[in-house]
Protein backbone atom coordinates (compact mmCIF):
# COMPACT_ATOMS: atom_id res chain seq x y z
CA UNK A 1 -2.57 -25.32 -14.69
CA UNK A 2 -2.89 -21.59 -14.01
CA UNK A 3 -6.56 -21.99 -13.14
CA UNK A 4 -5.73 -24.78 -10.71
CA UNK A 5 -2.92 -22.72 -9.17
CA UNK A 6 -5.29 -19.77 -8.88
CA UNK A 7 -7.94 -21.88 -7.16
CA UNK A 8 -5.35 -23.18 -4.70
CA UNK A 9 -4.09 -19.66 -3.99
CA UNK A 10 -7.50 -18.15 -3.30
CA UNK A 11 -8.50 -21.16 -1.20
CA UNK A 12 -5.31 -20.76 0.81
CA UNK A 13 -6.04 -17.05 1.28
CA UNK A 14 -9.57 -17.69 2.54
CA UNK A 15 -8.57 -20.52 4.87
CA UNK A 16 -5.58 -18.73 6.37
CA UNK A 17 -7.64 -15.55 6.82
CA UNK A 18 -10.26 -17.48 8.75
CA UNK A 19 -7.54 -19.02 10.92
CA UNK A 20 -5.50 -15.85 11.48
CA UNK A 21 -8.33 -13.44 12.23
CA UNK A 22 -8.96 -14.92 15.71
CA UNK A 23 -5.22 -14.54 16.36
CA UNK A 24 -5.49 -10.88 15.32
CA UNK A 25 -8.37 -10.40 17.78
CA UNK A 26 -6.23 -11.93 20.52
CA UNK A 27 -3.29 -9.66 19.66
CA UNK A 28 -5.64 -6.67 19.67
CA UNK A 29 -7.05 -7.56 23.08
CA UNK A 30 -3.65 -8.22 24.70
CA UNK A 31 -2.01 -5.05 23.35
CA UNK A 32 -4.98 -2.70 23.72
CA UNK A 33 -3.94 -1.32 27.15
CA UNK A 34 -0.38 -0.32 26.14
CA UNK A 35 -0.31 0.03 22.32
CA UNK A 36 -2.71 2.83 21.32
CA UNK A 37 -1.25 3.05 17.79
CA UNK A 38 -1.86 -0.70 17.33
CA UNK A 39 1.70 -1.04 16.05
CA UNK A 40 2.01 -4.65 17.21
CA UNK A 41 -1.26 -5.62 15.56
CA UNK A 42 -0.12 -3.95 12.35
CA UNK A 43 3.13 -5.94 12.43
CA UNK A 44 1.07 -9.11 12.79
CA UNK A 45 -1.03 -7.94 9.83
CA UNK A 46 2.17 -7.38 7.83
CA UNK A 47 3.14 -10.99 8.59
CA UNK A 48 -0.35 -12.16 7.58
CA UNK A 49 -0.29 -10.22 4.30
CA UNK A 50 3.29 -11.25 3.50
CA UNK A 51 2.50 -14.97 3.69
CA UNK A 52 0.94 -14.87 0.22
CA UNK A 53 4.09 -13.66 -1.51
CA UNK A 54 6.57 -15.47 0.75
CA UNK A 55 4.96 -18.83 -0.04
CA UNK A 56 4.34 -18.23 -3.74
CA UNK A 57 7.47 -18.96 -5.83
CA UNK A 58 5.81 -17.29 -8.83
CA UNK A 59 5.94 -13.92 -7.04
CA UNK A 60 9.53 -13.24 -5.97
CA UNK A 61 9.55 -9.79 -4.33
CA UNK A 62 12.60 -7.52 -4.22
CA UNK A 63 12.56 -4.52 -1.87
CA UNK A 64 14.71 -1.45 -2.51
CA UNK A 65 15.33 1.58 -0.32
CA UNK A 66 13.90 0.33 2.96
CA UNK A 67 16.69 2.08 4.85
CA UNK A 68 15.80 5.45 3.35
CA UNK A 69 13.16 6.33 5.91
CA UNK A 70 12.38 5.76 9.57
CA UNK A 71 8.74 5.02 10.28
CA UNK A 72 9.08 6.49 13.77
CA UNK A 73 8.60 9.81 11.95
CA UNK A 74 4.99 9.81 10.67
CA UNK A 75 4.75 10.45 6.95
CA UNK A 76 2.38 10.31 4.01
CA UNK A 77 3.29 7.22 2.00
CA UNK A 78 2.07 7.09 -1.61
CA UNK A 79 2.38 4.36 -4.24
CA UNK A 80 1.14 3.64 -7.74
CA UNK A 81 -1.68 1.11 -7.96
CA UNK A 82 -1.76 -1.73 -10.49
CA UNK A 83 -3.28 -4.77 -8.84
CA UNK A 84 -4.92 -6.24 -5.74
CA UNK A 85 -1.48 -7.71 -5.17
CA UNK A 86 -0.12 -4.22 -4.37
CA UNK A 87 -1.68 -4.36 -0.92
CA UNK A 88 -0.03 -7.68 -0.06
CA UNK A 89 3.30 -6.51 -1.45
CA UNK A 90 3.33 -3.27 0.55
CA UNK A 91 2.87 -5.24 3.76
CA UNK A 92 6.34 -6.62 3.01
CA UNK A 93 7.75 -3.23 4.05
CA UNK A 94 6.97 -4.07 7.68
CA UNK A 95 6.71 -0.33 8.35
CA UNK A 96 4.05 1.15 10.60
CA UNK A 97 1.23 2.86 8.71
CA UNK A 98 -2.53 3.09 8.44
CA UNK A 99 -4.12 2.25 5.11
CA UNK A 100 -6.60 4.64 3.55
CA UNK A 101 -9.06 2.32 1.82
CA UNK A 102 -12.53 2.31 0.32
CA UNK A 103 -15.20 1.33 2.80
CA UNK A 104 -16.19 -1.76 0.82
CA UNK A 105 -12.91 -3.43 1.79
CA UNK A 106 -13.79 -3.14 5.48
CA UNK A 107 -16.87 -5.30 4.89
CA UNK A 108 -14.86 -8.30 3.69
CA UNK A 109 -14.99 -11.22 6.13
CA UNK A 110 -11.84 -11.63 8.22
CA UNK A 111 -9.62 -9.32 6.14
CA UNK A 112 -11.94 -6.33 6.36
CA UNK A 113 -12.71 -6.99 10.00
CA UNK A 114 -8.98 -6.99 10.70
CA UNK A 115 -8.67 -3.66 8.90
CA UNK A 116 -11.20 -2.22 11.35
CA UNK A 117 -9.30 -3.67 14.30
CA UNK A 118 -6.17 -1.92 13.05
CA UNK A 119 -7.94 1.42 12.86
CA UNK A 120 -7.26 1.89 9.15
CA UNK A 121 -8.93 4.89 7.56
CA UNK A 122 -12.24 4.41 5.72
CA UNK A 123 -13.29 6.29 2.62
CA UNK A 124 -16.60 6.27 0.77
CA UNK A 125 -15.97 7.14 -2.85
CA UNK A 126 -18.03 10.03 -4.19
CA UNK A 127 -18.97 11.28 -0.73
CA UNK A 128 -17.71 14.76 0.10
CA UNK A 129 -18.45 14.29 3.79
CA UNK A 130 -16.48 11.03 3.81
CA UNK A 131 -13.51 12.76 2.19
CA UNK A 132 -13.58 15.43 4.88
CA UNK A 133 -13.76 12.75 7.57
CA UNK A 134 -10.86 10.94 5.91
CA UNK A 135 -8.77 14.12 6.15
CA UNK A 136 -9.58 14.43 9.84
CA UNK A 137 -8.82 10.75 10.49
CA UNK A 138 -5.49 10.95 8.68
CA UNK A 139 -4.52 14.11 10.55
CA UNK A 140 -5.38 12.37 13.82
CA UNK A 141 -3.34 9.29 12.95
CA UNK A 142 -0.32 11.39 11.99
CA UNK A 143 -0.65 13.44 15.18
CA UNK A 144 -0.64 10.14 17.10
CA UNK A 145 2.58 9.04 15.39
CA UNK A 146 1.27 6.78 12.62
CA UNK A 147 2.06 7.18 8.93
CA UNK A 148 -0.74 6.85 6.37
CA UNK A 149 -0.55 4.85 3.14
CA UNK A 150 -2.52 6.12 0.14
CA UNK A 151 -2.88 5.15 -3.53
CA UNK A 152 -3.19 8.64 -5.07
CA UNK A 153 -4.51 7.26 -8.37
CA UNK A 154 -7.63 6.33 -6.42
CA UNK A 155 -8.09 3.01 -8.21
CA UNK A 156 -6.06 0.41 -10.01
CA UNK A 157 -4.75 1.20 -13.47
CA UNK A 158 -6.39 -1.05 -16.06
CA UNK A 159 -3.64 -0.48 -18.62
CA UNK A 160 -0.58 -0.59 -16.36
CA UNK A 161 0.14 3.05 -17.15
CA UNK A 162 0.32 5.58 -14.38
CA UNK A 163 -2.96 7.45 -14.00
CA UNK A 164 -3.34 11.04 -12.87
CA UNK A 165 -2.98 11.58 -9.11
CA UNK A 166 -5.73 12.91 -6.88
CA UNK A 167 -4.53 15.70 -4.57
CA UNK A 168 -5.86 14.37 -1.25
CA UNK A 169 -2.63 12.72 -0.04
CA UNK A 170 -0.62 15.83 -0.79
CA UNK A 171 -3.11 18.13 0.87
CA UNK A 172 -2.74 15.99 4.00
CA UNK A 173 1.07 16.26 3.82
CA UNK A 174 0.86 20.04 3.55
CA UNK A 175 -1.73 20.41 6.30
CA UNK A 176 0.18 18.19 8.74
CA UNK A 177 3.68 19.30 7.64
CA UNK A 178 4.58 15.66 7.15
CA UNK A 179 7.26 14.20 4.88
CA UNK A 180 6.18 12.28 1.79
CA UNK A 181 7.53 8.81 0.99
CA UNK A 182 6.97 7.95 -2.71
CA UNK A 183 6.95 4.25 -3.60
CA UNK A 184 6.95 2.68 -7.05
CA UNK A 185 5.60 -0.83 -7.63
CA UNK A 186 6.68 -2.92 -10.62
CA UNK A 187 5.38 -6.24 -11.90
CA UNK A 188 2.21 -6.69 -9.87
CA UNK A 189 -0.10 -6.11 -12.84
CA UNK A 190 1.70 -8.86 -14.77
CA UNK A 191 1.30 -11.26 -11.85
CA UNK A 192 -2.36 -10.47 -11.13
CA UNK A 193 -4.18 -8.11 -13.53
CA UNK A 194 -6.90 -5.71 -12.45
CA UNK A 195 -9.71 -7.67 -14.06
CA UNK A 196 -9.89 -11.35 -13.25
CA UNK A 197 -8.63 -13.63 -10.52
CA UNK A 198 -6.54 -16.03 -12.58
CA UNK A 199 -2.88 -15.84 -11.63
CA UNK A 200 -0.36 -15.58 -14.42
CA UNK A 201 3.02 -17.27 -14.67
CA UNK A 202 6.16 -16.35 -12.79
CA UNK A 203 6.59 -12.57 -12.56
CA UNK A 204 9.24 -10.87 -10.41
CA UNK A 205 7.94 -7.94 -8.39
CA UNK A 206 9.87 -4.90 -7.24
CA UNK A 207 9.04 -2.39 -4.53
CA UNK A 208 11.18 0.71 -4.73
CA UNK A 209 11.05 3.20 -1.85
CA UNK A 210 12.20 6.49 -3.33
CA UNK A 211 14.03 9.16 -1.41
CA UNK A 212 11.65 10.72 1.12
CA UNK A 213 10.66 14.34 0.64
CA UNK A 214 10.91 16.40 3.86
CA UNK A 215 8.18 18.96 4.40
CA UNK A 216 10.67 21.82 3.96
CA UNK A 217 11.34 20.72 0.38
CA UNK A 218 7.75 21.32 -0.73
CA UNK A 219 6.36 23.76 1.86
CA UNK A 220 6.10 26.56 -0.70
CA UNK A 221 4.36 24.48 -3.37
CA UNK A 222 0.65 24.46 -4.07
CA UNK A 223 -1.23 21.18 -3.72
CA UNK A 224 -1.40 20.91 -7.50
CA UNK A 225 2.34 21.50 -7.94
CA UNK A 226 3.20 18.99 -5.24
CA UNK A 227 0.84 16.39 -6.70
CA UNK A 228 2.47 16.68 -10.11
CA UNK A 229 6.00 16.65 -8.69
CA UNK A 230 5.46 13.40 -6.79
CA UNK A 231 3.72 11.80 -9.76
CA UNK A 232 6.66 12.74 -11.99
CA UNK A 233 9.11 11.14 -9.54
CA UNK A 234 7.21 7.86 -9.48
CA UNK A 235 6.70 7.95 -13.27
CA UNK A 236 10.43 8.47 -13.85
CA UNK A 237 11.30 5.51 -11.65
CA UNK A 238 8.73 3.30 -13.37
CA UNK A 239 10.19 4.21 -16.74
CA UNK A 240 13.76 3.65 -15.58
CA UNK A 241 13.00 0.21 -14.16
CA UNK A 242 10.98 -0.79 -17.22
CA UNK A 243 14.00 -0.01 -19.39
CA UNK A 244 16.26 -1.95 -17.04
CA UNK A 245 13.99 -4.97 -17.31
CA UNK A 246 13.90 -4.77 -21.08
CA UNK A 247 17.68 -4.63 -21.32
CA UNK A 248 18.09 -7.56 -18.91
CA UNK A 249 15.68 -9.77 -20.88
CA UNK A 250 16.74 -8.78 -24.39
CA UNK A 251 19.17 -11.16 -26.15
CA UNK A 252 22.78 -10.01 -26.08
């Protein structure tokens, strides 16, 4: 049954992407003269990405802390990374941001083409020049009023445990004097593991937006200190919510 459900899900994703991409092009064309940040197109993309959790009863998503930050103030948004599902789930925030993503994703039919339309930031792994260009692109987006969304682990965790954080996101926050918005994701690895495309059974998913960190709170820290501090905050929340889940499922 899970294999059948998985086949239906991926078929639905491909078909809807093919149908919605022309709509995205139309939105892009109509809004191009008056929406330089592509905020309207990004909201449409949030709707597109959210369809796959809205319409899947096996993936109930709970959002916490949405009222903690205002996306009219550009920030560096960082989240732990467990699954391909993380990307779809973070669209449920319906906040304005530009993804920082590996260049291979931009080559995907429909989805990747839409990423290019949105002006999301490309990164070629292992390329120093690409990293430098990514810094410049992120600084430009923040200067233009857009937040950036980064997975500081760099890749999905195969074990579900939080990996070490790369410093790039935090260097951007320091260089642009931008606040940091830490986000912890729970349950996505259980719903769709890193390796394989077979969906698992029903798994609740939580997105927890932690208290934003204003620039003044970390201005005196080094990049390394800031990287570790943010990682510790996300790790603590992951641990706390894991314990809460265990206590809620354990027999009384």
